[in-house]
C-alpha atoms as a PDB file:
ATOM      1  CA  MET A   1     -18.869  -6.773  -2.826  1.00  0.00           C
ATOM      2  CA  PRO A   2     -15.331  -5.527  -3.580  1.00  0.00           C
ATOM      3  CA  ASN A   3     -13.283  -4.191  -0.673  1.00  0.00           C
ATOM      4  CA  THR A   4     -11.245  -0.994  -0.479  1.00  0.00           C
ATOM      5  CA  ASP A   5      -8.010  -2.741  -1.480  1.00  0.00           C
ATOM      6  CA  HIS A   6      -9.579  -4.088  -4.683  1.00  0.00           C
ATOM      7  CA  VAL A   7     -11.178  -0.817  -5.796  1.00  0.00           C
ATOM      8  CA  THR A   8      -8.036   1.265  -5.212  1.00  0.00           C
ATOM      9  CA  LYS A   9      -5.902  -1.203  -7.170  1.00  0.00           C
ATOM     10  CA  ASP A  10      -8.428  -1.187 -10.030  1.00  0.00           C
ATOM     11  CA  LEU A  11      -8.551   2.604  -9.947  1.00  0.00           C
ATOM     12  CA  LEU A  12      -4.772   3.020 -10.068  1.00  0.00           C
ATOM     13  CA  LYS A  13      -4.502   0.808 -13.137  1.00  0.00           C
ATOM     14  CA  ASP A  14      -5.581   3.909 -15.046  1.00  0.00           C
ATOM     15  CA  ASP A  15      -2.313   5.503 -16.255  1.00  0.00           C
ATOM     16  CA  HIS A  16      -3.773   9.015 -16.299  1.00  0.00           C
ATOM     17  CA  ILE A  17      -4.952   8.755 -12.677  1.00  0.00           C
ATOM     18  CA  PHE A  18      -1.631   7.219 -11.592  1.00  0.00           C
ATOM     19  CA  ALA A  19       0.343  10.032 -13.273  1.00  0.00           C
ATOM     20  CA  ASP A  20      -2.038  12.695 -11.951  1.00  0.00           C
ATOM     21  CA  ILE A  21      -1.444  11.596  -8.349  1.00  0.00           C
ATOM     22  CA  PHE A  22       2.347  11.679  -8.722  1.00  0.00           C
ATOM     23  CA  ASN A  23       2.456  14.906 -10.724  1.00  0.00           C
ATOM     24  CA  ASN A  24       0.038  17.050  -8.709  1.00  0.00           C
ATOM     25  CA  LEU A  25       0.172  15.629  -5.194  1.00  0.00           C
ATOM     26  CA  PHE A  26       3.829  14.566  -4.997  1.00  0.00           C
ATOM     27  CA  PHE A  27       6.149  16.197  -7.540  1.00  0.00           C
ATOM     28  CA  LYS A  28       3.995  19.362  -7.798  1.00  0.00           C
ATOM     29  CA  ASN A  29       5.034  19.408 -11.437  1.00  0.00           C
ATOM     30  CA  LYS A  30       4.338  17.498 -14.642  1.00  0.00           C
ATOM     31  CA  VAL A  31       7.093  14.879 -14.434  1.00  0.00           C
ATOM     32  CA  ILE A  32       5.246  11.718 -15.437  1.00  0.00           C
ATOM     33  CA  ASP A  33       3.730  11.289 -18.897  1.00  0.00           C
ATOM     34  CA  PRO A  34       0.834   8.792 -18.622  1.00  0.00           C
ATOM     35  CA  ASP A  35       1.561   7.584 -22.145  1.00  0.00           C
ATOM     36  CA  ARG A  36       5.070   6.542 -21.047  1.00  0.00           C
ATOM     37  CA  LEU A  37       4.002   4.378 -18.107  1.00  0.00           C
ATOM     38  CA  LYS A  38       4.326   0.607 -18.207  1.00  0.00           C
ATOM     39  CA  ASP A  39       3.214  -2.097 -15.808  1.00  0.00           C
ATOM     40  CA  MET A  40       6.040  -3.890 -14.022  1.00  0.00           C
ATOM     41  CA  ASN A  41       6.383  -7.573 -13.336  1.00  0.00           C
ATOM     42  CA  THR A  42       7.280  -7.262  -9.654  1.00  0.00           C
ATOM     43  CA  ASP A  43       7.701 -11.038  -9.368  1.00  0.00           C
ATOM     44  CA  GLU A  44      10.919 -10.756 -11.406  1.00  0.00           C
ATOM     45  CA  ILE A  45      12.301  -7.835  -9.378  1.00  0.00           C
ATOM     46  CA  LEU A  46      11.166  -9.107  -5.973  1.00  0.00           C
ATOM     47  CA  VAL A  47      11.743 -12.832  -6.445  1.00  0.00           C
ATOM     48  CA  ASP A  48      13.733 -13.096  -3.185  1.00  0.00           C
ATOM     49  CA  TYR A  49      11.088 -11.094  -1.334  1.00  0.00           C
ATOM     50  CA  HIS A  50       8.411 -13.604  -2.347  1.00  0.00           C
ATOM     51  CA  LYS A  51      10.588 -16.465  -1.122  1.00  0.00           C
ATOM     52  CA  LEU A  52      11.245 -14.868   2.260  1.00  0.00           C
ATOM     53  CA  PHE A  53       7.887 -13.266   2.900  1.00  0.00           C
ATOM     54  CA  SER A  54       5.376 -15.422   1.021  1.00  0.00           C
ATOM     55  CA  THR A  55       2.619 -14.722   3.554  1.00  0.00           C
ATOM     56  CA  GLU A  56       3.238 -10.978   3.716  1.00  0.00           C
ATOM     57  CA  LYS A  57       1.521  -8.241   1.739  1.00  0.00           C
ATOM     58  CA  HIS A  58       3.209  -7.604  -1.608  1.00  0.00           C
ATOM     59  CA  ARG A  59       3.506  -4.412  -3.602  1.00  0.00           C
ATOM     60  CA  ASP A  60       0.142  -2.829  -4.391  1.00  0.00           C
ATOM     61  CA  ILE A  61       0.984  -0.967  -7.615  1.00  0.00           C
ATOM     62  CA  MET A  62       4.305  -0.659  -9.495  1.00  0.00           C
ATOM     63  CA  ARG A  63       4.951   1.204 -12.745  1.00  0.00           C
ATOM     64  CA  ASN A  64       7.979   1.765 -14.950  1.00  0.00           C
ATOM     65  CA  ALA A  65       8.043   5.433 -16.010  1.00  0.00           C
ATOM     66  CA  LEU A  66      10.094   6.817 -18.876  1.00  0.00           C
ATOM     67  CA  ILE A  67      10.899  10.476 -18.131  1.00  0.00           C
ATOM     68  CA  ARG A  68      12.919  13.187 -19.845  1.00  0.00           C
ATOM     69  CA  HIS A  69      15.868  14.302 -17.689  1.00  0.00           C
ATOM     70  CA  ASP A  70      18.763  16.611 -18.661  1.00  0.00           C
ATOM     71  CA  GLY A  71      17.913  16.338 -22.336  1.00  0.00           C
ATOM     72  CA  ARG A  72      17.746  12.547 -22.346  1.00  0.00           C
ATOM     73  CA  TYR A  73      15.311   9.826 -21.328  1.00  0.00           C
ATOM     74  CA  ALA A  74      15.662   7.900 -18.072  1.00  0.00           C
ATOM     75  CA  TYR A  75      13.600   5.384 -16.121  1.00  0.00           C
ATOM     76  CA  LEU A  76      11.956   5.563 -12.714  1.00  0.00           C
ATOM     77  CA  TYR A  77      10.250   2.763 -10.816  1.00  0.00           C
ATOM     78  CA  LEU A  78       7.124   4.174  -9.162  1.00  0.00           C
ATOM     79  CA  GLY A  79       5.147   2.364  -6.487  1.00  0.00           C
ATOM     80  CA  ILE A  80       1.969   3.184  -4.589  1.00  0.00           C
ATOM     81  CA  GLU A  81       1.012   1.559  -1.309  1.00  0.00           C
ATOM     82  CA  ASN A  82      -2.616   2.008  -0.258  1.00  0.00           C
ATOM     83  CA  GLN A  83      -3.485   2.354   3.422  1.00  0.00           C
ATOM     84  CA  ASN A  84      -7.023   2.478   4.807  1.00  0.00           C
ATOM     85  CA  GLU A  85      -5.777   3.257   8.294  1.00  0.00           C
ATOM     86  CA  ILE A  86      -2.568   4.107  10.142  1.00  0.00           C
ATOM     87  CA  ASP A  87       0.114   1.406  10.096  1.00  0.00           C
ATOM     88  CA  ASP A  88       2.931   2.049  12.577  1.00  0.00           C
ATOM     89  CA  THR A  89       5.255  -0.294  10.644  1.00  0.00           C
ATOM     90  CA  MET A  90       4.852   1.503   7.307  1.00  0.00           C
ATOM     91  CA  PRO A  91       8.292   3.225   7.131  1.00  0.00           C
ATOM     92  CA  ALA A  92      10.065  -0.112   7.693  1.00  0.00           C
ATOM     93  CA  ARG A  93       7.825  -1.844   5.159  1.00  0.00           C
ATOM     94  CA  VAL A  94       8.530   0.806   2.515  1.00  0.00           C
ATOM     95  CA  MET A  95      12.276   0.610   3.174  1.00  0.00           C
ATOM     96  CA  LEU A  96      12.109  -3.177   2.800  1.00  0.00           C
ATOM     97  CA  TYR A  97      10.118  -2.973  -0.446  1.00  0.00           C
ATOM     98  CA  ASP A  98      12.566  -0.466  -1.935  1.00  0.00           C
ATOM     99  CA  ALA A  99      15.698  -2.310  -0.747  1.00  0.00           C
ATOM    100  CA  LEU A 100      14.489  -5.594  -2.196  1.00  0.00           C
ATOM    101  CA  ASN A 101      13.646  -3.846  -5.456  1.00  0.00           C
ATOM    102  CA  TYR A 102      17.248  -2.603  -5.672  1.00  0.00           C
ATOM    103  CA  HIS A 103      18.450  -6.077  -4.732  1.00  0.00           C
ATOM    104  CA  GLY A 104      16.355  -7.526  -7.555  1.00  0.00           C
ATOM    105  CA  GLN A 105      17.806  -5.017 -10.013  1.00  0.00           C
ATOM    106  CA  MET A 106      21.356  -5.934  -8.984  1.00  0.00           C
ATOM    107  CA  LYS A 107      20.600  -9.602  -9.455  1.00  0.00           C
ATOM    108  CA  ILE A 108      19.323  -8.996 -12.995  1.00  0.00           C
ATOM    109  CA  ILE A 109      22.403  -6.877 -13.831  1.00  0.00           C
ATOM    110  CA  ARG A 110      24.799  -9.527 -12.439  1.00  0.00           C
ATOM    111  CA  ASN A 111      23.144 -12.290 -14.446  1.00  0.00           C
ATOM    112  CA  ARG A 112      23.249 -10.190 -17.620  1.00  0.00           C
ATOM    113  CA  ASN A 113      26.915  -9.293 -17.147  1.00  0.00           C
ATOM    114  CA  LYS A 114      27.909 -12.897 -16.532  1.00  0.00           C
ATOM    115  CA  GLU A 115      25.973 -14.085 -19.569  1.00  0.00           C
ATOM    116  CA  ASN A 116      27.660 -11.422 -21.704  1.00  0.00           C
ATOM    117  CA  LYS A 117      31.052 -12.195 -20.130  1.00  0.00           C
ATOM    118  CA  SER A 118      31.646  -8.474 -19.717  1.00  0.00           C
ATOM    119  CA  LEU A 119      33.210  -8.624 -16.251  1.00  0.00           C
ATOM    120  CA  SER A 120      36.858  -8.222 -15.365  1.00  0.00           C
ATOM    121  CA  LYS A 121      38.435 -10.430 -12.674  1.00  0.00           C
ATOM    122  CA  LYS A 122      37.927  -7.698 -10.080  1.00  0.00           C
ATOM    123  CA  GLU A 123      34.318  -7.187 -11.103  1.00  0.00           C
ATOM    124  CA  TYR A 124      33.359 -10.857 -11.260  1.00  0.00           C
ATOM    125  CA  LEU A 125      32.698 -11.232  -7.521  1.00  0.00           C
ATOM    126  CA  SER A 126      30.248  -8.310  -7.329  1.00  0.00           C
ATOM    127  CA  GLY A 127      28.907  -8.851 -10.843  1.00  0.00           C
ATOM    128  CA  PHE A 128      28.827  -5.084 -11.253  1.00  0.00           C
ATOM    129  CA  THR A 129      30.832  -2.834 -13.547  1.00  0.00           C
ATOM    130  CA  LYS A 130      31.609   0.837 -13.001  1.00  0.00           C
ATOM    131  CA  ASP A 131      29.133   1.730 -15.732  1.00  0.00           C
ATOM    132  CA  ASP A 132      26.194  -0.210 -14.250  1.00  0.00           C
ATOM    133  CA  ARG A 133      23.468   1.893 -12.687  1.00  0.00           C
ATOM    134  CA  LEU A 134      20.361   1.182 -10.635  1.00  0.00           C
ATOM    135  CA  ILE A 135      16.974   2.622 -11.558  1.00  0.00           C
ATOM    136  CA  PRO A 136      15.622   4.915  -8.794  1.00  0.00           C
ATOM    137  CA  VAL A 137      12.633   3.552  -6.857  1.00  0.00           C
ATOM    138  CA  ILE A 138      10.039   5.964  -5.454  1.00  0.00           C
ATOM    139  CA  THR A 139       7.285   4.605  -3.237  1.00  0.00           C
ATOM    140  CA  LEU A 140       4.272   6.729  -2.386  1.00  0.00           C
ATOM    141  CA  VAL A 141       2.042   5.801   0.553  1.00  0.00           C
ATOM    142  CA  ILE A 142      -1.563   7.012   0.287  1.00  0.00           C
ATOM    143  CA  CYS A 143      -3.655   6.984   3.449  1.00  0.00           C
ATOM    144  CA  TRP A 144      -7.295   7.108   2.313  1.00  0.00           C
ATOM    145  CA  SER A 145      -8.658   7.705   5.810  1.00  0.00           C
ATOM    146  CA  PRO A 146      -9.920  11.219   6.687  1.00  0.00           C
ATOM    147  CA  GLU A 147      -8.229  10.862  10.086  1.00  0.00           C
ATOM    148  CA  LYS A 148      -4.917  12.579  10.795  1.00  0.00           C
ATOM    149  CA  TRP A 149      -1.845  10.392  10.264  1.00  0.00           C
ATOM    150  CA  THR A 150      -0.336  10.048  13.748  1.00  0.00           C
ATOM    151  CA  GLY A 151       1.988   7.133  12.971  1.00  0.00           C
ATOM    152  CA  PRO A 152       5.723   7.145  12.209  1.00  0.00           C
ATOM    153  CA  ARG A 153       6.891   8.852   9.027  1.00  0.00           C
ATOM    154  CA  SER A 154      10.462   7.557   9.007  1.00  0.00           C
ATOM    155  CA  ILE A 155      12.690   4.857  10.460  1.00  0.00           C
ATOM    156  CA  HIS A 156      13.919   7.314  13.105  1.00  0.00           C
ATOM    157  CA  ASP A 157      10.299   7.832  14.220  1.00  0.00           C
ATOM    158  CA  MET A 158      10.066   4.100  14.932  1.00  0.00           C
ATOM    159  CA  MET A 159      13.040   4.187  17.316  1.00  0.00           C
ATOM    160  CA  ASP A 160      13.543   5.405  20.871  1.00  0.00           C
ATOM    161  CA  PRO A 161      13.849   9.209  20.455  1.00  0.00           C
ATOM    162  CA  LYS A 162      16.625   9.378  23.053  1.00  0.00           C
ATOM    163  CA  MET A 163      18.707   6.929  21.026  1.00  0.00           C
ATOM    164  CA  THR A 164      18.085   8.643  17.690  1.00  0.00           C
ATOM    165  CA  GLU A 165      18.929  12.026  19.203  1.00  0.00           C
ATOM    166  CA  ARG A 166      22.220  10.773  20.608  1.00  0.00           C
ATOM    167  CA  PHE A 167      23.264   8.755  17.554  1.00  0.00           C
ATOM    168  CA  LYS A 168      21.424  10.799  14.918  1.00  0.00           C
ATOM    169  CA  GLY A 169      24.511  11.316  12.802  1.00  0.00           C
ATOM    170  CA  TYR A 170      25.273   7.599  12.741  1.00  0.00           C
ATOM    171  CA  ILE A 171      21.855   6.040  12.122  1.00  0.00           C
ATOM    172  CA  PRO A 172      20.666   6.379   8.498  1.00  0.00           C
ATOM    173  CA  ASP A 173      17.071   7.550   8.309  1.00  0.00           C
ATOM    174  CA  TYR A 174      14.519   6.548   5.678  1.00  0.00           C
ATOM    175  CA  PRO A 175      11.694   9.099   5.380  1.00  0.00           C
ATOM    176  CA  MET A 176       8.415   7.828   3.942  1.00  0.00           C
ATOM    177  CA  ASN A 177       6.677   9.627   1.061  1.00  0.00           C
ATOM    178  CA  LEU A 178       3.185  10.036   2.518  1.00  0.00           C
ATOM    179  CA  ILE A 179      -0.019  11.495   1.119  1.00  0.00           C
ATOM    180  CA  SER A 180      -2.578  11.895   3.901  1.00  0.00           C
ATOM    181  CA  LEU A 181      -6.011  13.216   2.917  1.00  0.00           C
ATOM    182  CA  ASN A 182      -6.155  15.186   6.138  1.00  0.00           C
ATOM    183  CA  GLU A 183      -3.092  17.217   5.071  1.00  0.00           C
ATOM    184  CA  LEU A 184      -4.195  18.042   1.512  1.00  0.00           C
ATOM    185  CA  ASP A 185      -5.660  21.503   0.972  1.00  0.00           C
ATOM    186  CA  ASP A 186      -8.701  21.865  -1.285  1.00  0.00           C
ATOM    187  CA  GLU A 187      -6.836  23.989  -3.838  1.00  0.00           C
ATOM    188  CA  THR A 188      -4.218  21.272  -4.368  1.00  0.00           C
ATOM    189  CA  ILE A 189      -6.883  18.582  -4.745  1.00  0.00           C
ATOM    190  CA  ARG A 190      -8.876  20.645  -7.258  1.00  0.00           C
ATOM    191  CA  SER A 191      -5.715  21.330  -9.295  1.00  0.00           C
ATOM    192  CA  MET A 192      -5.619  17.659 -10.309  1.00  0.00           C
ATOM    193  CA  GLU A 193      -6.251  16.957 -13.986  1.00  0.00           C
ATOM    194  CA  THR A 194      -8.480  13.887 -13.625  1.00  0.00           C
ATOM    195  CA  LYS A 195     -11.727  13.397 -11.729  1.00  0.00           C
ATOM    196  CA  VAL A 196      -9.934  11.303  -9.126  1.00  0.00           C
ATOM    197  CA  SER A 197      -9.827  14.684  -7.366  1.00  0.00           C
ATOM    198  CA  LEU A 198     -13.502  14.095  -6.451  1.00  0.00           C
ATOM    199  CA  LEU A 199     -12.533  10.895  -4.649  1.00  0.00           C
ATOM    200  CA  PHE A 200      -9.788  12.652  -2.652  1.00  0.00           C
ATOM    201  CA  GLU A 201     -12.080  15.566  -1.803  1.00  0.00           C
ATOM    202  CA  PHE A 202     -15.087  13.451  -0.830  1.00  0.00           C
ATOM    203  CA  LEU A 203     -13.085  11.064   1.366  1.00  0.00           C
ATOM    204  CA  LYS A 204     -11.277  13.967   3.040  1.00  0.00           C
ATOM    205  CA  TYR A 205     -14.641  15.274   4.287  1.00  0.00           C
ATOM    206  CA  SER A 206     -16.460  11.935   4.621  1.00  0.00           C
ATOM    207  CA  ASN A 207     -16.737  12.422   8.409  1.00  0.00           C
ATOM    208  CA  ASN A 208     -18.294  15.865   7.936  1.00  0.00           C
ATOM    209  CA  SER A 209     -22.063  15.370   7.553  1.00  0.00           C
ATOM    210  CA  GLN A 210     -22.631  18.968   6.381  1.00  0.00           C
ATOM    211  CA  LYS A 211     -20.034  18.609   3.600  1.00  0.00           C
ATOM    212  CA  VAL A 212     -21.486  15.248   2.513  1.00  0.00           C
ATOM    213  CA  ARG A 213     -24.943  16.842   2.214  1.00  0.00           C
ATOM    214  CA  GLU A 214     -23.428  19.576   0.026  1.00  0.00           C
ATOM    215  CA  TYR A 215     -21.756  16.985  -2.234  1.00  0.00           C
ATOM    216  CA  ARG A 216     -25.142  15.299  -2.772  1.00  0.00           C
ATOM    217  CA  ARG A 217     -26.213  18.436  -4.672  1.00  0.00           C
ATOM    218  CA  ASP A 218     -22.817  19.159  -6.279  1.00  0.00           C
ATOM    219  CA  LYS A 219     -23.073  19.095 -10.084  1.00  0.00           C
ATOM    220  CA  ARG A 220     -19.479  17.806 -10.334  1.00  0.00           C
ATOM    221  CA  PHE A 221     -20.794  14.432  -9.153  1.00  0.00           C
ATOM    222  CA  GLU A 222     -23.406  14.220 -11.935  1.00  0.00           C
ATOM    223  CA  ASP A 223     -20.964  12.822 -14.489  1.00  0.00           C
ATOM    224  CA  ILE A 224     -17.948  10.941 -13.145  1.00  0.00           C
ATOM    225  CA  PRO A 225     -16.169   7.745 -14.312  1.00  0.00           C
ATOM    226  CA  TYR A 226     -17.646   4.536 -12.948  1.00  0.00           C
ATOM    227  CA  GLU A 227     -14.408   3.384 -11.247  1.00  0.00           C
ATOM    228  CA  ILE A 228     -14.197   6.650  -9.293  1.00  0.00           C
ATOM    229  CA  ALA A 229     -17.877   6.478  -8.315  1.00  0.00           C
ATOM    230  CA  ARG A 230     -17.435   2.856  -7.222  1.00  0.00           C
ATOM    231  CA  SER A 231     -14.391   3.847  -5.152  1.00  0.00           C
ATOM    232  CA  ILE A 232     -16.384   6.599  -3.411  1.00  0.00           C
ATOM    233  CA  LYS A 233     -19.195   4.146  -2.670  1.00  0.00           C
ATOM    234  CA  VAL A 234     -16.972   1.368  -1.290  1.00  0.00           C
ATOM    235  CA  MET A 235     -14.404   3.496   0.549  1.00  0.00           C
ATOM    236  CA  SER A 236     -16.993   5.730   2.255  1.00  0.00           C
ATOM    237  CA  ASP A 237     -19.433   2.837   2.799  1.00  0.00           C
ATOM    238  CA  ILE A 238     -22.364   4.620   1.123  1.00  0.00           C
ATOM    239  CA  ASP A 239     -25.153   2.255   0.114  1.00  0.00           C
ATOM    240  CA  ILE A 240     -26.294   3.631  -3.257  1.00  0.00           C
ATOM    241  CA  ASP A 241     -26.989   2.070  -6.634  1.00  0.00           C
ATOM    242  CA  LEU A 242     -24.588   3.044  -9.411  1.00  0.00           C
ATOM    243  CA  GLU A 243     -25.975   2.859 -12.928  1.00  0.00           C
ATOM    244  CA  LYS A 244     -23.665   3.631 -15.833  1.00  0.00           C
ATOM    245  CA  ASN A 245     -24.818   6.239 -18.329  1.00  0.00           C
ATOM    246  CA  ASP A 246     -24.916   5.382 -22.013  1.00  0.00           C
ATOM    247  CA  GLN A 247     -22.017   7.721 -22.747  1.00  0.00           C
ATOM    248  CA  GLY A 248     -18.627   6.297 -21.763  1.00  0.00           C
ATOM    249  CA  GLY A 249     -19.667   4.381 -18.670  1.00  0.00           C
ATOM    250  CA  SER A 250     -19.956   7.475 -16.484  1.00  0.00           C
ATOM    251  CA  VAL A 251     -22.185   7.708 -13.420  1.00  0.00           C
ATOM    252  CA  ASN A 252     -24.578  10.321 -12.036  1.00  0.00           C
ATOM    253  CA  MET A 253     -24.026   9.945  -8.295  1.00  0.00           C
ATOM    254  CA  CYS A 254     -26.501  12.724  -7.500  1.00  0.00           C
ATOM    255  CA  GLU A 255     -29.325  10.568  -8.908  1.00  0.00           C
ATOM    256  CA  GLY A 256     -28.191   7.654  -6.764  1.00  0.00           C
ATOM    257  CA  TRP A 257     -28.168   9.913  -3.731  1.00  0.00           C
ATOM    258  CA  LYS A 258     -31.709  11.140  -4.515  1.00  0.00           C
ATOM    259  CA  VAL A 259     -33.014   7.576  -4.433  1.00  0.00           C
ATOM    260  CA  LEU A 260     -31.172   6.936  -1.158  1.00  0.00           C
ATOM    261  CA  LEU A 261     -32.529  10.161   0.368  1.00  0.00           C
ATOM    262  CA  GLU A 262     -36.097   9.284  -0.645  1.00  0.00           C
ATOM    263  CA  GLU A 263     -35.745   5.852   0.985  1.00  0.00           C
ATOM    264  CA  GLU A 264     -34.389   7.473   4.135  1.00  0.00           C
ATOM    265  CA  LYS A 265     -37.313   9.931   4.186  1.00  0.00           C
ATOM    266  CA  ASN A 266     -39.865   7.115   3.797  1.00  0.00           C
ATOM    267  CA  GLU A 267     -38.211   5.137   6.584  1.00  0.00           C
ATOM    268  CA  GLY A 268     -38.232   8.267   8.721  1.00  0.00           C
ATOM    269  CA  ARG A 269     -41.942   8.857   8.066  1.00  0.00           C
ATOM    270  CA  THR A 270     -42.793   5.261   8.975  1.00  0.00           C
ATOM    271  CA  GLU A 271     -40.702   5.428  12.127  1.00  0.00           C
ATOM    272  CA  GLY A 272     -42.221   8.777  13.034  1.00  0.00           C
ATOM    273  CA  ILE A 273     -45.770   7.458  12.686  1.00  0.00           C
ATOM    274  CA  SER A 274     -44.900   4.443  14.823  1.00  0.00           C
ATOM    275  CA  ILE A 275     -43.319   6.616  17.519  1.00  0.00           C
ATOM    276  CA  GLY A 276     -46.277   9.001  17.391  1.00  0.00           C
ATOM    277  CA  LYS A 277     -48.774   6.184  17.925  1.00  0.00           C
ATOM    278  CA  THR A 278     -46.731   4.792  20.807  1.00  0.00           C
ATOM    279  CA  GLU A 279     -46.498   8.191  22.529  1.00  0.00           C
ATOM    280  CA  GLU A 280     -50.199   8.886  21.954  1.00  0.00           C
ATOM    281  CA  ARG A 281     -51.185   5.511  23.478  1.00  0.00           C
ATOM    282  CA  LYS A 282     -48.922   6.054  26.507  1.00  0.00           C
ATOM    283  CA  GLU A 283     -50.431   9.492  27.156  1.00  0.00           C
ATOM    284  CA  SER A 284     -53.980   8.118  26.948  1.00  0.00           C
ATOM    285  CA  LEU A 285     -53.083   5.172  29.146  1.00  0.00           C
ATOM    286  CA  ASP A 286     -51.663   7.490  31.830  1.00  0.00           C
ATOM    287  CA  LYS A 287     -54.843   9.584  31.767  1.00  0.00           C
ATOM    288  CA  LEU A 288     -57.057   6.495  32.163  1.00  0.00           C
ATOM    289  CA  ILE A 289     -54.955   5.166  35.069  1.00  0.00           C
ATOM    290  CA  ARG A 290     -55.308   8.520  36.852  1.00  0.00           C
ATOM    291  CA  TYR A 291     -59.077   8.470  36.202  1.00  0.00           C
ATOM    292  CA  PHE A 292     -59.495   5.001  37.749  1.00  0.00           C
ATOM    293  CA  MET A 293     -57.351   5.964  40.770  1.00  0.00           C
ATOM    294  CA  ASN A 294     -59.415   9.147  41.292  1.00  0.00           C
ATOM    295  CA  ASN A 295     -62.489   6.926  41.401  1.00  0.00           C
ATOM    296  CA  GLY A 296     -61.287   4.689  44.199  1.00  0.00           C
ATOM    297  CA  ARG A 297     -59.128   2.043  42.505  1.00  0.00           C
ATOM    298  CA  SER A 298     -55.699   1.194  43.805  1.00  0.00           C
ATOM    299  CA  GLU A 299     -52.751   1.892  41.474  1.00  0.00           C
ATOM    300  CA  GLU A 300     -52.419  -1.836  40.701  1.00  0.00           C
ATOM    301  CA  GLU A 301     -56.153  -2.149  39.919  1.00  0.00           C
ATOM    302  CA  ALA A 302     -56.095   1.013  37.791  1.00  0.00           C
ATOM    303  CA  ILE A 303     -53.157  -0.229  35.696  1.00  0.00           C
ATOM    304  CA  ARG A 304     -54.764  -3.644  35.199  1.00  0.00           C
ATOM    305  CA  GLU A 305     -58.141  -2.163  34.145  1.00  0.00           C
ATOM    306  CA  ALA A 306     -56.472   0.363  31.828  1.00  0.00           C
ATOM    307  CA  ASP A 307     -54.499  -2.438  30.114  1.00  0.00           C
ATOM    308  CA  ILE A 308     -57.741  -4.318  29.574  1.00  0.00           C
ATOM    309  CA  VAL A 309     -59.289  -1.252  27.912  1.00  0.00           C
ATOM    310  CA  PHE A 310     -56.315  -0.620  25.548  1.00  0.00           C
ATOM    311  CA  GLY A 311     -55.368  -4.238  24.974  1.00  0.00           C
ATOM    312  CA  ASP A 312     -51.922  -5.369  23.693  1.00  0.00           C
ATOM    313  CA  PRO A 313     -49.975  -2.328  22.314  1.00  0.00           C
ATOM    314  CA  SER A 314     -48.419  -4.397  19.521  1.00  0.00           C
END
């Protein structure tokens, strides 16, 4: 069975979902055009990172976005890091990812300039010209847990607060761009353009049993894309069967929940009958023991004779 890391990566391969998350949950504006997104080969940009940290976790998702800015087109590098729980090292990890991305860009620019022999004597050492520019890198951390994010949100948060207070003006900070489900209001979630909003909303309330019961009857869940339904199933650990509809591979999660509810009811009935029989036998056994004791048996004799009458309870 796929884990949370796999399903979120598969989900975010959808350009419309990727753009929807950035536009509505981060920029609060339509900045990213899903038709102008392109996958990035992070191995080329982060070649030194892979050499130094071969056993560490690499970038989850990276996209190259072409945006319109000041009447012209420009590029942004957009990354998403998925977190299933709080990671107290996340600000430092994000800073490292971004710094190594810039380092990779500089390396590509230097190599290009040297190949083109476009460097002056002064520029040759750095490999950079005054006209060279880096592409901005924006990393978004999504915490899919319904719990409140209590970890650090910046490099300063990871340091001794007394030190950062005293030397605040001298220590550069690096705030992390965080989306925590716990901090998203329902109106913002429902303003999203794709049905990934159902994933955000469901996971936000996944610890609220009353809300989950309401979602089981919510018509919005009767026709949702398979990848979103699969993400809800895996990330909330709900054991339901997902069958694609004939039209476009969508899923009716309400039907899956009905089957699950019926199984739970049947199990409950069986358990209830079993408990009922056990309680009924115990009550009768107690009555018989009291009867024998009232007729002159000792407690030990009464228990033994009552067990003989009822036999093995199993």
